[in-house]
Amino acid sequence: MRIAIIGPGAMGTLFAALLKRAGQDVFLIDKDSQRAKKISRANVKVKGSGFDFEVKIKATANPQIVTFPDLVIIFVKSYDTESAL
């Protein structure tokens, strides 16, 4: 499944990492192009109760790159929802 996650904060990145680990094709969409580049270059590290892993996640500031996603998840603060759409 091709999944676009808008908002690479703590929750967006966590869900992206878990979905990627489960074998999904995940893209993080960020309004900050520099942060998107950093995410794409580095592995995302997840540590928690009972799990500890790293995954590579694609990130972009250009949502048009993510063509025909099967699912879009929005993880932004409520006051940013309108601009994220």
C-alpha atoms as a PDB file:
ATOM      1  CA  MET A   1       0.000   0.000   0.000  1.00  0.00           C
ATOM      2  CA  ARG A   2       1.253   3.501  -0.849  1.00  0.00           C
ATOM      3  CA  ILE A   3       0.779   5.780   2.165  1.00  0.00           C
ATOM      4  CA  ALA A   4       1.376   9.533   2.447  1.00  0.00           C
ATOM      5  CA  ILE A   5       1.763  10.980   5.925  1.00  0.00           C
ATOM      6  CA  ILE A   6       1.483  14.749   6.212  1.00  0.00           C
ATOM      7  CA  GLY A   7       3.328  16.065   9.246  1.00  0.00           C
ATOM      8  CA  PRO A   8       6.617  14.451  10.256  1.00  0.00           C
ATOM      9  CA  GLY A   9       6.438  15.315  13.932  1.00  0.00           C
ATOM     10  CA  ALA A  10       6.667  12.703  16.672  1.00  0.00           C
ATOM     11  CA  MET A  11       3.420  10.908  15.817  1.00  0.00           C
ATOM     12  CA  GLY A  12       3.721  11.181  12.035  1.00  0.00           C
ATOM     13  CA  THR A  13       7.261   9.849  12.070  1.00  0.00           C
ATOM     14  CA  LEU A  14       6.394   7.047  14.504  1.00  0.00           C
ATOM     15  CA  PHE A  15       3.472   5.876  12.384  1.00  0.00           C
ATOM     16  CA  ALA A  16       5.580   6.161   9.216  1.00  0.00           C
ATOM     17  CA  ALA A  17       8.301   4.009  10.779  1.00  0.00           C
ATOM     18  CA  LEU A  18       5.843   1.376  12.006  1.00  0.00           C
ATOM     19  CA  LEU A  19       4.074   1.215   8.642  1.00  0.00           C
ATOM     20  CA  LYS A  20       7.398   1.020   6.784  1.00  0.00           C
ATOM     21  CA  ARG A  21       8.547  -1.780   9.079  1.00  0.00           C
ATOM     22  CA  ALA A  22       5.295  -3.600   8.242  1.00  0.00           C
ATOM     23  CA  GLY A  23       6.228  -3.457   4.551  1.00  0.00           C
ATOM     24  CA  GLN A  24       4.221  -0.459   3.347  1.00  0.00           C
ATOM     25  CA  ASP A  25       5.454   2.150   0.850  1.00  0.00           C
ATOM     26  CA  VAL A  26       5.505   5.275   3.041  1.00  0.00           C
ATOM     27  CA  PHE A  27       6.222   8.924   2.259  1.00  0.00           C
ATOM     28  CA  LEU A  28       6.433  11.709   4.824  1.00  0.00           C
ATOM     29  CA  ILE A  29       5.321  15.108   3.535  1.00  0.00           C
ATOM     30  CA  ASP A  30       6.812  18.118   5.295  1.00  0.00           C
ATOM     31  CA  LYS A  31       6.394  21.834   4.628  1.00  0.00           C
ATOM     32  CA  ASP A  32      10.080  22.303   5.538  1.00  0.00           C
ATOM     33  CA  SER A  33      12.210  21.109   2.611  1.00  0.00           C
ATOM     34  CA  GLN A  34      15.441  21.062   4.642  1.00  0.00           C
ATOM     35  CA  ARG A  35      13.900  18.813   7.291  1.00  0.00           C
ATOM     36  CA  ALA A  36      12.481  16.544   4.579  1.00  0.00           C
ATOM     37  CA  LYS A  37      15.987  16.168   3.126  1.00  0.00           C
ATOM     38  CA  LYS A  38      17.393  15.294   6.564  1.00  0.00           C
ATOM     39  CA  ILE A  39      14.727  12.650   7.111  1.00  0.00           C
ATOM     40  CA  SER A  40      15.382  11.111   3.695  1.00  0.00           C
ATOM     41  CA  ARG A  41      19.141  10.955   4.264  1.00  0.00           C
ATOM     42  CA  ALA A  42      19.089   9.388   7.741  1.00  0.00           C
ATOM     43  CA  ASN A  43      17.455   6.315   9.196  1.00  0.00           C
ATOM     44  CA  VAL A  44      14.544   6.860  11.545  1.00  0.00           C
ATOM     45  CA  LYS A  45      15.293   5.210  14.886  1.00  0.00           C
ATOM     46  CA  VAL A  46      12.433   3.899  17.013  1.00  0.00           C
ATOM     47  CA  LYS A  47      12.955   2.664  20.563  1.00  0.00           C
ATOM     48  CA  GLY A  48      10.228   1.645  22.926  1.00  0.00           C
ATOM     49  CA  SER A  49       8.902  -1.018  25.212  1.00  0.00           C
ATOM     50  CA  GLY A  50       9.598  -4.271  23.396  1.00  0.00           C
ATOM     51  CA  PHE A  51      11.008  -2.850  20.165  1.00  0.00           C
ATOM     52  CA  ASP A  52      14.121  -1.142  18.875  1.00  0.00           C
ATOM     53  CA  PHE A  53      14.615  -0.672  15.122  1.00  0.00           C
ATOM     54  CA  GLU A  54      15.700   1.672  12.336  1.00  0.00           C
ATOM     55  CA  VAL A  55      14.072   2.227   8.943  1.00  0.00           C
ATOM     56  CA  LYS A  56      14.694   4.405   5.906  1.00  0.00           C
ATOM     57  CA  ILE A  57      11.711   6.628   5.102  1.00  0.00           C
ATOM     58  CA  LYS A  58      11.243   8.787   2.015  1.00  0.00           C
ATOM     59  CA  ALA A  59      10.362  12.397   2.795  1.00  0.00           C
ATOM     60  CA  THR A  60       9.555  15.358   0.591  1.00  0.00           C
ATOM     61  CA  ALA A  61       8.294  18.925   0.743  1.00  0.00           C
ATOM     62  CA  ASN A  62       6.614  18.456  -2.644  1.00  0.00           C
ATOM     63  CA  PRO A  63       3.364  16.502  -2.195  1.00  0.00           C
ATOM     64  CA  GLN A  64       2.987  16.114  -5.979  1.00  0.00           C
ATOM     65  CA  ILE A  65       5.822  13.564  -5.897  1.00  0.00           C
ATOM     66  CA  VAL A  66       3.571  11.176  -3.991  1.00  0.00           C
ATOM     67  CA  THR A  67       1.260  10.159  -6.816  1.00  0.00           C
ATOM     68  CA  PHE A  68      -1.918   8.196  -6.210  1.00  0.00           C
ATOM     69  CA  PRO A  69      -1.529   7.244  -2.545  1.00  0.00           C
ATOM     70  CA  ASP A  70      -3.917   4.580  -1.282  1.00  0.00           C
ATOM     71  CA  LEU A  71      -4.099   6.304   2.084  1.00  0.00           C
ATOM     72  CA  VAL A  72      -3.321   9.804   3.360  1.00  0.00           C
ATOM     73  CA  ILE A  73      -2.824  10.333   7.095  1.00  0.00           C
ATOM     74  CA  ILE A  74      -2.690  13.869   8.483  1.00  0.00           C
ATOM     75  CA  PHE A  75      -0.582  14.329  11.616  1.00  0.00           C
ATOM     76  CA  VAL A  76      -0.439  18.085  12.094  1.00  0.00           C
ATOM     77  CA  LYS A  77      -1.555  20.319  14.928  1.00  0.00           C
ATOM     78  CA  SER A  78      -5.247  21.176  14.694  1.00  0.00           C
ATOM     79  CA  TYR A  79      -4.508  24.805  13.826  1.00  0.00           C
ATOM     80  CA  ASP A  80      -2.409  23.663  10.822  1.00  0.00           C
ATOM     81  CA  THR A  81      -4.986  21.255   9.390  1.00  0.00           C
ATOM     82  CA  GLU A  82      -6.486  23.678   6.874  1.00  0.00           C
ATOM     83  CA  SER A  83      -3.112  24.652   5.422  1.00  0.00           C
ATOM     84  CA  ALA A  84      -2.050  20.981   5.292  1.00  0.00           C
ATOM     85  CA  LEU A  85      -5.002  20.145   3.071  1.00  0.00           C
END
